[in-house]
Each structure stands twice: as C-alpha cells, then as structure tokens.
Full PDB file with SEQRES, HELIX, SHEET, SSBOND, CRYST1, ORIGX, SCALE, CONECT and MASTER records, all heavy atoms in Angstrom:
SEQRES   1 A   48  MET LEU LEU LEU ALA ILE ALA THR SER ILE ASP ALA LEU          
SEQRES   2 A   48  ALA VAL GLY ILE THR PHE ALA PHE LEU LYS VAL ASN ILE          
SEQRES   3 A   48  VAL MET ALA VAL SER THR ILE GLY VAL VAL THR LEU ILE          
SEQRES   4 A   48  ILE SER ALA ALA GLY VAL TYR ILE GLY                          
HELIX    1 AA1 LEU A    2  ALA A    7  1                                   6    
HELIX    2 AA2 ILE A   10  PHE A   21  1                                  12    
HELIX    3 AA3 ILE A   26  ILE A   47  1                                  22    
CRYST1    1.000    1.000    1.000  90.00  90.00  90.00 P 1           1          
ORIGX1      1.000000  0.000000  0.000000        0.00000                         
ORIGX2      0.000000  1.000000  0.000000        0.00000                         
ORIGX3      0.000000  0.000000  1.000000        0.00000                         
SCALE1      1.000000  0.000000  0.000000        0.00000                         
SCALE2      0.000000  1.000000  0.000000        0.00000                         
SCALE3      0.000000  0.000000  1.000000        0.00000                         
ATOM      1  N   MET A   1       0.827  -1.234  -0.010  1.00  0.00           N  
ATOM      2  CA  MET A   1      -0.011   0.005  -0.025  1.00  0.00           C  
ATOM      3  C   MET A   1       0.909   1.320   0.039  1.00  0.00           C  
ATOM      4  O   MET A   1       0.471   2.192  -0.610  1.00  0.00           O  
ATOM      5  CB  MET A   1      -0.971  -0.013   1.205  1.00  0.00           C  
ATOM      6  CG  MET A   1      -2.034  -1.129   1.165  1.00  0.00           C  
ATOM      7  SD  MET A   1      -2.902  -1.053  -0.557  1.00  0.00           S  
ATOM      8  CE  MET A   1      -3.738   0.383  -0.334  1.00  0.00           C  
ATOM      9  N   LEU A   2       1.963   1.209   0.647  1.00  0.00           N  
ATOM     10  CA  LEU A   2       2.803   2.415   0.674  1.00  0.00           C  
ATOM     11  C   LEU A   2       3.390   2.711  -0.729  1.00  0.00           C  
ATOM     12  O   LEU A   2       3.389   3.910  -1.129  1.00  0.00           O  
ATOM     13  CB  LEU A   2       4.002   2.182   1.704  1.00  0.00           C  
ATOM     14  CG  LEU A   2       5.083   3.211   1.818  1.00  0.00           C  
ATOM     15  CD1 LEU A   2       4.425   4.487   2.347  1.00  0.00           C  
ATOM     16  CD2 LEU A   2       6.214   2.791   2.691  1.00  0.00           C  
ATOM     17  N   LEU A   3       3.835   1.678  -1.348  1.00  0.00           N  
ATOM     18  CA  LEU A   3       4.447   1.836  -2.674  1.00  0.00           C  
ATOM     19  C   LEU A   3       3.300   2.470  -3.646  1.00  0.00           C  
ATOM     20  O   LEU A   3       3.495   3.258  -4.467  1.00  0.00           O  
ATOM     21  CB  LEU A   3       4.968   0.529  -3.169  1.00  0.00           C  
ATOM     22  CG  LEU A   3       6.167   0.066  -2.553  1.00  0.00           C  
ATOM     23  CD1 LEU A   3       6.613  -1.388  -3.066  1.00  0.00           C  
ATOM     24  CD2 LEU A   3       7.338   1.060  -2.784  1.00  0.00           C  
ATOM     25  N   LEU A   4       2.127   1.804  -3.589  1.00  0.00           N  
ATOM     26  CA  LEU A   4       1.040   2.299  -4.445  1.00  0.00           C  
ATOM     27  C   LEU A   4       0.579   3.744  -4.088  1.00  0.00           C  
ATOM     28  O   LEU A   4       0.362   4.550  -4.932  1.00  0.00           O  
ATOM     29  CB  LEU A   4      -0.145   1.402  -4.298  1.00  0.00           C  
ATOM     30  CG  LEU A   4      -0.051  -0.053  -4.920  1.00  0.00           C  
ATOM     31  CD1 LEU A   4      -1.227  -0.842  -4.562  1.00  0.00           C  
ATOM     32  CD2 LEU A   4       0.021   0.081  -6.388  1.00  0.00           C  
ATOM     33  N   ALA A   5       0.548   4.069  -2.815  1.00  0.00           N  
ATOM     34  CA  ALA A   5       0.248   5.425  -2.418  1.00  0.00           C  
ATOM     35  C   ALA A   5       1.199   6.407  -2.838  1.00  0.00           C  
ATOM     36  O   ALA A   5       0.824   7.586  -3.297  1.00  0.00           O  
ATOM     37  CB  ALA A   5       0.099   5.446  -0.804  1.00  0.00           C  
ATOM     38  N   ILE A   6       2.490   6.132  -2.859  1.00  0.00           N  
ATOM     39  CA  ILE A   6       3.507   7.020  -3.156  1.00  0.00           C  
ATOM     40  C   ILE A   6       3.347   7.158  -4.677  1.00  0.00           C  
ATOM     41  O   ILE A   6       3.440   8.259  -5.294  1.00  0.00           O  
ATOM     42  CB  ILE A   6       4.952   6.499  -2.889  1.00  0.00           C  
ATOM     43  CG1 ILE A   6       5.078   6.677  -1.289  1.00  0.00           C  
ATOM     44  CG2 ILE A   6       5.951   7.371  -3.454  1.00  0.00           C  
ATOM     45  CD1 ILE A   6       6.271   6.092  -0.732  1.00  0.00           C  
ATOM     46  N   ALA A   7       3.315   6.014  -5.409  1.00  0.00           N  
ATOM     47  CA  ALA A   7       3.204   6.102  -6.942  1.00  0.00           C  
ATOM     48  C   ALA A   7       1.990   6.902  -7.424  1.00  0.00           C  
ATOM     49  O   ALA A   7       2.107   7.523  -8.511  1.00  0.00           O  
ATOM     50  CB  ALA A   7       3.143   4.613  -7.525  1.00  0.00           C  
ATOM     51  N   THR A   8       0.881   6.741  -6.808  1.00  0.00           N  
ATOM     52  CA  THR A   8      -0.362   7.513  -7.232  1.00  0.00           C  
ATOM     53  C   THR A   8      -0.386   8.952  -6.816  1.00  0.00           C  
ATOM     54  O   THR A   8      -1.231   9.677  -7.291  1.00  0.00           O  
ATOM     55  CB  THR A   8      -1.675   6.775  -6.812  1.00  0.00           C  
ATOM     56  OG1 THR A   8      -1.625   6.731  -5.335  1.00  0.00           O  
ATOM     57  CG2 THR A   8      -1.756   5.416  -7.348  1.00  0.00           C  
ATOM     58  N   SER A   9       0.650   9.350  -5.997  1.00  0.00           N  
ATOM     59  CA  SER A   9       0.540  10.730  -5.508  1.00  0.00           C  
ATOM     60  C   SER A   9       1.730  11.546  -5.838  1.00  0.00           C  
ATOM     61  O   SER A   9       1.903  12.743  -5.513  1.00  0.00           O  
ATOM     62  CB  SER A   9       0.415  10.756  -3.989  1.00  0.00           C  
ATOM     63  OG  SER A   9       1.555  10.119  -3.305  1.00  0.00           O  
ATOM     64  N   ILE A  10       2.573  11.030  -6.662  1.00  0.00           N  
ATOM     65  CA  ILE A  10       3.837  11.837  -7.135  1.00  0.00           C  
ATOM     66  C   ILE A  10       3.345  13.070  -7.925  1.00  0.00           C  
ATOM     67  O   ILE A  10       3.968  14.139  -7.665  1.00  0.00           O  
ATOM     68  CB  ILE A  10       4.878  11.003  -8.031  1.00  0.00           C  
ATOM     69  CG1 ILE A  10       5.523   9.796  -7.226  1.00  0.00           C  
ATOM     70  CG2 ILE A  10       5.755  11.774  -8.717  1.00  0.00           C  
ATOM     71  CD1 ILE A  10       6.376  10.260  -6.113  1.00  0.00           C  
ATOM     72  N   ASP A  11       2.374  12.935  -8.734  1.00  0.00           N  
ATOM     73  CA  ASP A  11       1.852  14.110  -9.527  1.00  0.00           C  
ATOM     74  C   ASP A  11       1.360  15.267  -8.490  1.00  0.00           C  
ATOM     75  O   ASP A  11       1.517  16.396  -8.712  1.00  0.00           O  
ATOM     76  CB  ASP A  11       0.874  13.797 -10.486  1.00  0.00           C  
ATOM     77  CG  ASP A  11      -0.175  12.947  -9.978  1.00  0.00           C  
ATOM     78  OD1 ASP A  11      -0.277  12.452  -8.819  1.00  0.00           O  
ATOM     79  OD2 ASP A  11      -1.233  12.658 -10.747  1.00  0.00           O  
ATOM     80  N   ALA A  12       0.942  14.863  -7.372  1.00  0.00           N  
ATOM     81  CA  ALA A  12       0.362  15.734  -6.386  1.00  0.00           C  
ATOM     82  C   ALA A  12       1.472  16.644  -5.706  1.00  0.00           C  
ATOM     83  O   ALA A  12       1.371  17.691  -5.343  1.00  0.00           O  
ATOM     84  CB  ALA A  12      -0.356  15.083  -5.261  1.00  0.00           C  
ATOM     85  N   LEU A  13       2.759  16.052  -5.704  1.00  0.00           N  
ATOM     86  CA  LEU A  13       3.943  16.681  -5.321  1.00  0.00           C  
ATOM     87  C   LEU A  13       4.150  17.905  -6.167  1.00  0.00           C  
ATOM     88  O   LEU A  13       4.480  19.025  -5.708  1.00  0.00           O  
ATOM     89  CB  LEU A  13       5.132  15.878  -5.214  1.00  0.00           C  
ATOM     90  CG  LEU A  13       6.415  16.380  -4.773  1.00  0.00           C  
ATOM     91  CD1 LEU A  13       6.432  16.728  -3.344  1.00  0.00           C  
ATOM     92  CD2 LEU A  13       7.573  15.440  -5.178  1.00  0.00           C  
ATOM     93  N   ALA A  14       4.191  17.692  -7.534  1.00  0.00           N  
ATOM     94  CA  ALA A  14       4.354  18.791  -8.473  1.00  0.00           C  
ATOM     95  C   ALA A  14       3.285  19.736  -8.347  1.00  0.00           C  
ATOM     96  O   ALA A  14       3.528  21.006  -8.452  1.00  0.00           O  
ATOM     97  CB  ALA A  14       4.402  18.178  -9.809  1.00  0.00           C  
ATOM     98  N   VAL A  15       2.048  19.383  -8.124  1.00  0.00           N  
ATOM     99  CA  VAL A  15       0.968  20.377  -8.008  1.00  0.00           C  
ATOM    100  C   VAL A  15       1.044  21.148  -6.725  1.00  0.00           C  
ATOM    101  O   VAL A  15       0.884  22.359  -6.735  1.00  0.00           O  
ATOM    102  CB  VAL A  15      -0.419  19.600  -7.918  1.00  0.00           C  
ATOM    103  CG1 VAL A  15      -1.594  20.529  -7.428  1.00  0.00           C  
ATOM    104  CG2 VAL A  15      -0.725  18.945  -9.268  1.00  0.00           C  
ATOM    105  N   GLY A  16       1.632  20.569  -5.712  1.00  0.00           N  
ATOM    106  CA  GLY A  16       1.977  21.257  -4.440  1.00  0.00           C  
ATOM    107  C   GLY A  16       3.018  22.340  -4.611  1.00  0.00           C  
ATOM    108  O   GLY A  16       2.985  23.506  -4.038  1.00  0.00           O  
ATOM    109  N   ILE A  17       3.917  22.181  -5.503  1.00  0.00           N  
ATOM    110  CA  ILE A  17       4.965  23.193  -5.859  1.00  0.00           C  
ATOM    111  C   ILE A  17       4.203  24.473  -6.584  1.00  0.00           C  
ATOM    112  O   ILE A  17       4.406  25.566  -6.157  1.00  0.00           O  
ATOM    113  CB  ILE A  17       5.990  22.656  -6.658  1.00  0.00           C  
ATOM    114  CG1 ILE A  17       6.855  21.643  -5.916  1.00  0.00           C  
ATOM    115  CG2 ILE A  17       6.956  23.819  -7.338  1.00  0.00           C  
ATOM    116  CD1 ILE A  17       7.881  20.746  -6.781  1.00  0.00           C  
ATOM    117  N   THR A  18       3.269  24.091  -7.409  1.00  0.00           N  
ATOM    118  CA  THR A  18       2.544  25.174  -8.073  1.00  0.00           C  
ATOM    119  C   THR A  18       1.618  25.983  -7.106  1.00  0.00           C  
ATOM    120  O   THR A  18       1.582  27.151  -7.245  1.00  0.00           O  
ATOM    121  CB  THR A  18       1.675  24.685  -9.207  1.00  0.00           C  
ATOM    122  OG1 THR A  18       0.645  23.847  -8.696  1.00  0.00           O  
ATOM    123  CG2 THR A  18       2.462  24.020 -10.293  1.00  0.00           C  
ATOM    124  N   PHE A  19       1.181  25.200  -6.057  1.00  0.00           N  
ATOM    125  CA  PHE A  19       0.290  25.828  -5.062  1.00  0.00           C  
ATOM    126  C   PHE A  19       1.152  27.044  -4.354  1.00  0.00           C  
ATOM    127  O   PHE A  19       0.619  28.135  -3.998  1.00  0.00           O  
ATOM    128  CB  PHE A  19      -0.104  25.021  -4.031  1.00  0.00           C  
ATOM    129  CG  PHE A  19      -1.229  24.105  -4.265  1.00  0.00           C  
ATOM    130  CD1 PHE A  19      -1.569  23.034  -3.546  1.00  0.00           C  
ATOM    131  CD2 PHE A  19      -2.085  24.318  -5.485  1.00  0.00           C  
ATOM    132  CE1 PHE A  19      -2.723  22.193  -4.004  1.00  0.00           C  
ATOM    133  CE2 PHE A  19      -3.106  23.460  -5.907  1.00  0.00           C  
ATOM    134  CZ  PHE A  19      -3.475  22.467  -5.038  1.00  0.00           C  
ATOM    135  N   ALA A  20       2.477  26.797  -4.162  1.00  0.00           N  
ATOM    136  CA  ALA A  20       3.220  27.991  -3.577  1.00  0.00           C  
ATOM    137  C   ALA A  20       3.305  29.115  -4.297  1.00  0.00           C  
ATOM    138  O   ALA A  20       3.331  30.346  -3.681  1.00  0.00           O  
ATOM    139  CB  ALA A  20       4.672  27.330  -3.283  1.00  0.00           C  
ATOM    140  N   PHE A  21       3.342  29.012  -5.587  1.00  0.00           N  
ATOM    141  CA  PHE A  21       3.437  30.182  -6.493  1.00  0.00           C  
ATOM    142  C   PHE A  21       2.032  30.869  -6.695  1.00  0.00           C  
ATOM    143  O   PHE A  21       1.989  32.073  -6.961  1.00  0.00           O  
ATOM    144  CB  PHE A  21       3.914  29.739  -7.782  1.00  0.00           C  
ATOM    145  CG  PHE A  21       5.257  29.000  -7.780  1.00  0.00           C  
ATOM    146  CD1 PHE A  21       5.401  27.937  -8.588  1.00  0.00           C  
ATOM    147  CD2 PHE A  21       6.259  29.355  -6.993  1.00  0.00           C  
ATOM    148  CE1 PHE A  21       6.634  27.211  -8.525  1.00  0.00           C  
ATOM    149  CE2 PHE A  21       7.447  28.597  -6.869  1.00  0.00           C  
ATOM    150  CZ  PHE A  21       7.635  27.574  -7.654  1.00  0.00           C  
ATOM    151  N   LEU A  22       0.949  30.080  -6.503  1.00  0.00           N  
ATOM    152  CA  LEU A  22      -0.357  30.691  -6.716  1.00  0.00           C  
ATOM    153  C   LEU A  22      -0.994  31.125  -5.517  1.00  0.00           C  
ATOM    154  O   LEU A  22      -2.159  31.675  -5.481  1.00  0.00           O  
ATOM    155  CB  LEU A  22      -1.218  29.629  -7.336  1.00  0.00           C  
ATOM    156  CG  LEU A  22      -0.649  29.078  -8.710  1.00  0.00           C  
ATOM    157  CD1 LEU A  22      -1.516  27.861  -9.085  1.00  0.00           C  
ATOM    158  CD2 LEU A  22      -0.746  30.105  -9.758  1.00  0.00           C  
ATOM    159  N   LYS A  23      -0.271  31.122  -4.340  1.00  0.00           N  
ATOM    160  CA  LYS A  23      -0.821  31.615  -3.103  1.00  0.00           C  
ATOM    161  C   LYS A  23      -2.022  30.947  -2.706  1.00  0.00           C  
ATOM    162  O   LYS A  23      -3.147  31.546  -2.379  1.00  0.00           O  
ATOM    163  CB  LYS A  23      -1.083  33.187  -3.108  1.00  0.00           C  
ATOM    164  CG  LYS A  23       0.166  33.948  -3.624  1.00  0.00           C  
ATOM    165  CD  LYS A  23       1.081  34.104  -2.425  1.00  0.00           C  
ATOM    166  CE  LYS A  23       2.174  35.190  -2.781  1.00  0.00           C  
ATOM    167  NZ  LYS A  23       3.379  34.684  -3.211  1.00  0.00           N  
ATOM    168  N   VAL A  24      -2.109  29.731  -2.810  1.00  0.00           N  
ATOM    169  CA  VAL A  24      -3.207  28.883  -2.481  1.00  0.00           C  
ATOM    170  C   VAL A  24      -3.374  28.666  -0.988  1.00  0.00           C  
ATOM    171  O   VAL A  24      -2.343  28.548  -0.288  1.00  0.00           O  
ATOM    172  CB  VAL A  24      -3.196  27.461  -3.194  1.00  0.00           C  
ATOM    173  CG1 VAL A  24      -4.297  26.482  -2.679  1.00  0.00           C  
ATOM    174  CG2 VAL A  24      -3.199  27.670  -4.683  1.00  0.00           C  
ATOM    175  N   ASN A  25      -4.581  28.624  -0.438  1.00  0.00           N  
ATOM    176  CA  ASN A  25      -4.771  28.249   1.022  1.00  0.00           C  
ATOM    177  C   ASN A  25      -4.481  26.836   1.136  1.00  0.00           C  
ATOM    178  O   ASN A  25      -5.304  25.993   0.705  1.00  0.00           O  
ATOM    179  CB  ASN A  25      -6.230  28.543   1.493  1.00  0.00           C  
ATOM    180  CG  ASN A  25      -6.530  28.074   2.837  1.00  0.00           C  
ATOM    181  OD1 ASN A  25      -5.835  27.289   3.420  1.00  0.00           O  
ATOM    182  ND2 ASN A  25      -7.559  28.767   3.372  1.00  0.00           N  
ATOM    183  N   ILE A  26      -3.252  26.496   1.667  1.00  0.00           N  
ATOM    184  CA  ILE A  26      -2.792  25.118   1.589  1.00  0.00           C  
ATOM    185  C   ILE A  26      -3.624  24.177   2.441  1.00  0.00           C  
ATOM    186  O   ILE A  26      -3.684  23.106   2.161  1.00  0.00           O  
ATOM    187  CB  ILE A  26      -1.261  25.023   1.855  1.00  0.00           C  
ATOM    188  CG1 ILE A  26      -0.576  23.695   1.462  1.00  0.00           C  
ATOM    189  CG2 ILE A  26      -0.989  25.342   3.276  1.00  0.00           C  
ATOM    190  CD1 ILE A  26      -0.705  23.370   0.000  1.00  0.00           C  
ATOM    191  N   VAL A  27      -3.993  24.552   3.639  1.00  0.00           N  
ATOM    192  CA  VAL A  27      -4.857  23.766   4.382  1.00  0.00           C  
ATOM    193  C   VAL A  27      -6.051  23.333   3.823  1.00  0.00           C  
ATOM    194  O   VAL A  27      -6.471  22.107   3.694  1.00  0.00           O  
ATOM    195  CB  VAL A  27      -5.045  24.461   5.830  1.00  0.00           C  
ATOM    196  CG1 VAL A  27      -5.968  23.640   6.651  1.00  0.00           C  
ATOM    197  CG2 VAL A  27      -3.750  24.806   6.570  1.00  0.00           C  
ATOM    198  N   MET A  28      -6.791  24.199   3.150  1.00  0.00           N  
ATOM    199  CA  MET A  28      -7.982  24.025   2.397  1.00  0.00           C  
ATOM    200  C   MET A  28      -7.674  23.069   1.274  1.00  0.00           C  
ATOM    201  O   MET A  28      -8.385  22.067   0.975  1.00  0.00           O  
ATOM    202  CB  MET A  28      -8.676  25.269   1.909  1.00  0.00           C  
ATOM    203  CG  MET A  28      -9.891  25.007   1.104  1.00  0.00           C  
ATOM    204  SD  MET A  28      -9.719  24.930  -0.721  1.00  0.00           S  
ATOM    205  CE  MET A  28      -9.106  26.372  -1.158  1.00  0.00           C  
ATOM    206  N   ALA A  29      -6.693  23.306   0.519  1.00  0.00           N  
ATOM    207  CA  ALA A  29      -6.268  22.563  -0.578  1.00  0.00           C  
ATOM    208  C   ALA A  29      -5.962  21.117  -0.309  1.00  0.00           C  
ATOM    209  O   ALA A  29      -6.433  20.177  -0.906  1.00  0.00           O  
ATOM    210  CB  ALA A  29      -5.156  23.200  -1.448  1.00  0.00           C  
ATOM    211  N   VAL A  30      -4.991  20.928   0.703  1.00  0.00           N  
ATOM    212  CA  VAL A  30      -4.580  19.545   0.967  1.00  0.00           C  
ATOM    213  C   VAL A  30      -5.761  18.696   1.677  1.00  0.00           C  
ATOM    214  O   VAL A  30      -5.982  17.466   1.369  1.00  0.00           O  
ATOM    215  CB  VAL A  30      -3.373  19.434   1.799  1.00  0.00           C  
ATOM    216  CG1 VAL A  30      -2.177  19.982   1.115  1.00  0.00           C  
ATOM    217  CG2 VAL A  30      -3.518  19.945   3.168  1.00  0.00           C  
ATOM    218  N   SER A  31      -6.502  19.412   2.364  1.00  0.00           N  
ATOM    219  CA  SER A  31      -7.780  18.748   2.989  1.00  0.00           C  
ATOM    220  C   SER A  31      -8.593  18.268   1.913  1.00  0.00           C  
ATOM    221  O   SER A  31      -9.085  17.169   2.025  1.00  0.00           O  
ATOM    222  CB  SER A  31      -8.500  19.638   4.054  1.00  0.00           C  
ATOM    223  OG  SER A  31      -7.558  20.032   4.989  1.00  0.00           O  
ATOM    224  N   THR A  32      -9.010  19.253   0.980  1.00  0.00           N  
ATOM    225  CA  THR A  32      -9.989  18.785  -0.005  1.00  0.00           C  
ATOM    226  C   THR A  32      -9.340  17.691  -0.907  1.00  0.00           C  
ATOM    227  O   THR A  32     -10.019  16.831  -1.233  1.00  0.00           O  
ATOM    228  CB  THR A  32     -10.164  20.150  -1.015  1.00  0.00           C  
ATOM    229  OG1 THR A  32     -10.741  21.117  -0.181  1.00  0.00           O  
ATOM    230  CG2 THR A  32     -11.195  19.773  -2.117  1.00  0.00           C  
ATOM    231  N   ILE A  33      -8.079  17.833  -1.319  1.00  0.00           N  
ATOM    232  CA  ILE A  33      -7.432  16.769  -2.086  1.00  0.00           C  
ATOM    233  C   ILE A  33      -7.594  15.406  -1.410  1.00  0.00           C  
ATOM    234  O   ILE A  33      -7.868  14.371  -1.898  1.00  0.00           O  
ATOM    235  CB  ILE A  33      -6.068  17.217  -2.409  1.00  0.00           C  
ATOM    236  CG1 ILE A  33      -6.047  18.317  -3.530  1.00  0.00           C  
ATOM    237  CG2 ILE A  33      -5.250  16.001  -3.163  1.00  0.00           C  
ATOM    238  CD1 ILE A  33      -4.702  18.933  -3.745  1.00  0.00           C  
ATOM    239  N   GLY A  34      -7.173  15.400  -0.056  1.00  0.00           N  
ATOM    240  CA  GLY A  34      -7.182  14.164   0.653  1.00  0.00           C  
ATOM    241  C   GLY A  34      -8.541  13.564   0.758  1.00  0.00           C  
ATOM    242  O   GLY A  34      -8.716  12.356   0.649  1.00  0.00           O  
ATOM    243  N   VAL A  35      -9.492  14.402   1.182  1.00  0.00           N  
ATOM    244  CA  VAL A  35     -10.949  13.881   1.347  1.00  0.00           C  
ATOM    245  C   VAL A  35     -11.478  13.326   0.048  1.00  0.00           C  
ATOM    246  O   VAL A  35     -12.102  12.207  -0.112  1.00  0.00           O  
ATOM    247  CB  VAL A  35     -11.845  14.925   2.003  1.00  0.00           C  
ATOM    248  CG1 VAL A  35     -13.182  14.476   1.964  1.00  0.00           C  
ATOM    249  CG2 VAL A  35     -11.383  15.051   3.384  1.00  0.00           C  
ATOM    250  N   VAL A  36     -11.399  14.127  -1.042  1.00  0.00           N  
ATOM    251  CA  VAL A  36     -11.859  13.787  -2.330  1.00  0.00           C  
ATOM    252  C   VAL A  36     -11.065  12.443  -2.762  1.00  0.00           C  
ATOM    253  O   VAL A  36     -11.884  11.411  -3.287  1.00  0.00           O  
ATOM    254  CB  VAL A  36     -11.649  14.907  -3.418  1.00  0.00           C  
ATOM    255  CG1 VAL A  36     -11.860  14.381  -4.843  1.00  0.00           C  
ATOM    256  CG2 VAL A  36     -12.528  16.001  -3.064  1.00  0.00           C  
ATOM    257  N   THR A  37      -9.801  12.341  -2.623  1.00  0.00           N  
ATOM    258  CA  THR A  37      -9.165  11.028  -3.010  1.00  0.00           C  
ATOM    259  C   THR A  37      -9.612   9.900  -2.269  1.00  0.00           C  
ATOM    260  O   THR A  37      -9.789   8.812  -2.719  1.00  0.00           O  
ATOM    261  CB  THR A  37      -7.602  11.247  -2.954  1.00  0.00           C  
ATOM    262  OG1 THR A  37      -7.301  12.412  -3.793  1.00  0.00           O  
ATOM    263  CG2 THR A  37      -6.985  10.076  -3.391  1.00  0.00           C  
ATOM    264  N   LEU A  38      -9.763  10.147  -0.929  1.00  0.00           N  
ATOM    265  CA  LEU A  38     -10.182   9.079   0.039  1.00  0.00           C  
ATOM    266  C   LEU A  38     -11.584   8.536  -0.457  1.00  0.00           C  
ATOM    267  O   LEU A  38     -11.787   7.221  -0.647  1.00  0.00           O  
ATOM    268  CB  LEU A  38     -10.367   9.554   1.403  1.00  0.00           C  
ATOM    269  CG  LEU A  38     -10.679   8.472   2.503  1.00  0.00           C  
ATOM    270  CD1 LEU A  38     -10.206   9.037   3.820  1.00  0.00           C  
ATOM    271  CD2 LEU A  38     -12.227   8.340   2.667  1.00  0.00           C  
ATOM    272  N   ILE A  39     -12.543   9.447  -0.772  1.00  0.00           N  
ATOM    273  CA  ILE A  39     -13.862   8.975  -1.203  1.00  0.00           C  
ATOM    274  C   ILE A  39     -13.935   8.229  -2.543  1.00  0.00           C  
ATOM    275  O   ILE A  39     -14.402   7.234  -2.761  1.00  0.00           O  
ATOM    276  CB  ILE A  39     -14.847  10.191  -1.176  1.00  0.00           C  
ATOM    277  CG1 ILE A  39     -14.997  10.633   0.251  1.00  0.00           C  
ATOM    278  CG2 ILE A  39     -16.133   9.853  -1.932  1.00  0.00           C  
ATOM    279  CD1 ILE A  39     -15.707  12.028   0.334  1.00  0.00           C  
ATOM    280  N   ILE A  40     -13.129   8.878  -3.538  1.00  0.00           N  
ATOM    281  CA  ILE A  40     -12.987   8.379  -4.884  1.00  0.00           C  
ATOM    282  C   ILE A  40     -12.343   6.926  -4.890  1.00  0.00           C  
ATOM    283  O   ILE A  40     -12.750   6.032  -5.517  1.00  0.00           O  
ATOM    284  CB  ILE A  40     -12.457   9.309  -5.798  1.00  0.00           C  
ATOM    285  CG1 ILE A  40     -13.419  10.504  -6.041  1.00  0.00           C  
ATOM    286  CG2 ILE A  40     -11.944   8.745  -7.077  1.00  0.00           C  
ATOM    287  CD1 ILE A  40     -12.845  11.615  -6.877  1.00  0.00           C  
ATOM    288  N   SER A  41     -11.322   6.906  -4.089  1.00  0.00           N  
ATOM    289  CA  SER A  41     -10.540   5.607  -3.949  1.00  0.00           C  
ATOM    290  C   SER A  41     -11.367   4.480  -3.335  1.00  0.00           C  
ATOM    291  O   SER A  41     -11.377   3.374  -3.814  1.00  0.00           O  
ATOM    292  CB  SER A  41      -9.254   5.694  -3.217  1.00  0.00           C  
ATOM    293  OG  SER A  41      -8.359   6.729  -3.882  1.00  0.00           O  
ATOM    294  N   ALA A  42     -11.940   4.878  -2.382  1.00  0.00           N  
ATOM    295  CA  ALA A  42     -12.820   3.825  -1.703  1.00  0.00           C  
ATOM    296  C   ALA A  42     -13.960   3.371  -2.534  1.00  0.00           C  
ATOM    297  O   ALA A  42     -14.274   2.127  -2.626  1.00  0.00           O  
ATOM    298  CB  ALA A  42     -13.390   4.360  -0.451  1.00  0.00           C  
ATOM    299  N   ALA A  43     -14.486   4.378  -3.311  1.00  0.00           N  
ATOM    300  CA  ALA A  43     -15.608   3.975  -4.196  1.00  0.00           C  
ATOM    301  C   ALA A  43     -15.015   3.150  -5.443  1.00  0.00           C  
ATOM    302  O   ALA A  43     -15.541   2.118  -5.962  1.00  0.00           O  
ATOM    303  CB  ALA A  43     -16.232   5.181  -4.863  1.00  0.00           C  
ATOM    304  N   GLY A  44     -13.813   3.482  -5.794  1.00  0.00           N  
ATOM    305  CA  GLY A  44     -13.049   2.666  -6.820  1.00  0.00           C  
ATOM    306  C   GLY A  44     -12.842   1.115  -6.532  1.00  0.00           C  
ATOM    307  O   GLY A  44     -13.035   0.357  -7.392  1.00  0.00           O  
ATOM    308  N   VAL A  45     -12.631   0.915  -5.252  1.00  0.00           N  
ATOM    309  CA  VAL A  45     -12.507  -0.501  -4.848  1.00  0.00           C  
ATOM    310  C   VAL A  45     -13.811  -1.242  -5.145  1.00  0.00           C  
ATOM    311  O   VAL A  45     -13.832  -2.351  -5.688  1.00  0.00           O  
ATOM    312  CB  VAL A  45     -12.195  -0.635  -3.322  1.00  0.00           C  
ATOM    313  CG1 VAL A  45     -12.151  -1.913  -2.907  1.00  0.00           C  
ATOM    314  CG2 VAL A  45     -10.673   0.023  -3.222  1.00  0.00           C  
ATOM    315  N   TYR A  46     -14.927  -0.626  -4.757  1.00  0.00           N  
ATOM    316  CA  TYR A  46     -16.211  -1.245  -4.877  1.00  0.00           C  
ATOM    317  C   TYR A  46     -16.499  -1.314  -6.482  1.00  0.00           C  
ATOM    318  O   TYR A  46     -17.106  -2.312  -6.951  1.00  0.00           O  
ATOM    319  CB  TYR A  46     -17.449  -0.277  -4.283  1.00  0.00           C  
ATOM    320  CG  TYR A  46     -17.497  -0.531  -2.782  1.00  0.00           C  
ATOM    321  CD1 TYR A  46     -16.952   0.155  -1.808  1.00  0.00           C  
ATOM    322  CD2 TYR A  46     -18.072  -1.914  -2.290  1.00  0.00           C  
ATOM    323  CE1 TYR A  46     -17.038  -0.007  -0.519  1.00  0.00           C  
ATOM    324  CE2 TYR A  46     -18.092  -2.083  -1.056  1.00  0.00           C  
ATOM    325  CZ  TYR A  46     -17.551  -1.242  -0.100  1.00  0.00           C  
ATOM    326  OH  TYR A  46     -17.732  -1.493   1.292  1.00  0.00           O  
ATOM    327  N   ILE A  47     -16.375  -0.255  -7.141  1.00  0.00           N  
ATOM    328  CA  ILE A  47     -16.531  -0.257  -8.580  1.00  0.00           C  
ATOM    329  C   ILE A  47     -15.769  -1.265  -9.283  1.00  0.00           C  
ATOM    330  O   ILE A  47     -16.240  -1.975 -10.190  1.00  0.00           O  
ATOM    331  CB  ILE A  47     -16.345   1.145  -9.245  1.00  0.00           C  
ATOM    332  CG1 ILE A  47     -17.316   2.122  -8.758  1.00  0.00           C  
ATOM    333  CG2 ILE A  47     -16.254   1.083 -10.757  1.00  0.00           C  
ATOM    334  CD1 ILE A  47     -17.111   3.572  -9.049  1.00  0.00           C  
ATOM    335  N   GLY A  48     -14.429  -1.344  -8.928  1.00  0.00           N  
ATOM    336  CA  GLY A  48     -13.554  -2.404  -9.572  1.00  0.00           C  
ATOM    337  C   GLY A  48     -14.076  -3.833  -9.234  1.00  0.00           C  
ATOM    338  O   GLY A  48     -14.014  -4.805 -10.076  1.00  0.00           O  
TER     339      GLY A  48                                                      
MASTER        0    0    0    3    0    0    0    6  338    1    0    4          
END                                                                             
C-alpha cells in the first residue's frame, strides 16, 4: 500500500509546488485533495 500510495501521489507533489506560487490556502487545498481522493478511491474499490 505504501508503494502504491506514493506512486499514485507523485503528481500531487508537483501540484503542491505550483500551489506555493499561486498563493493557495494550503490547508483547504490539501484537506480537499485528501478527502476527495479518499472517497473516490474507496468507491473505486467497490466499482472495480
């Protein structure tokens, strides 16, 4: 699970770099990204 989690989130690291330049509310952004991914991933297990 650790390997899969890292592999599926590498692109989010690059997005985080862009957040710094865009003056994004990082707490809101990472919370939203985490919750949305949690829900979509859990649903993905059932859908699969």
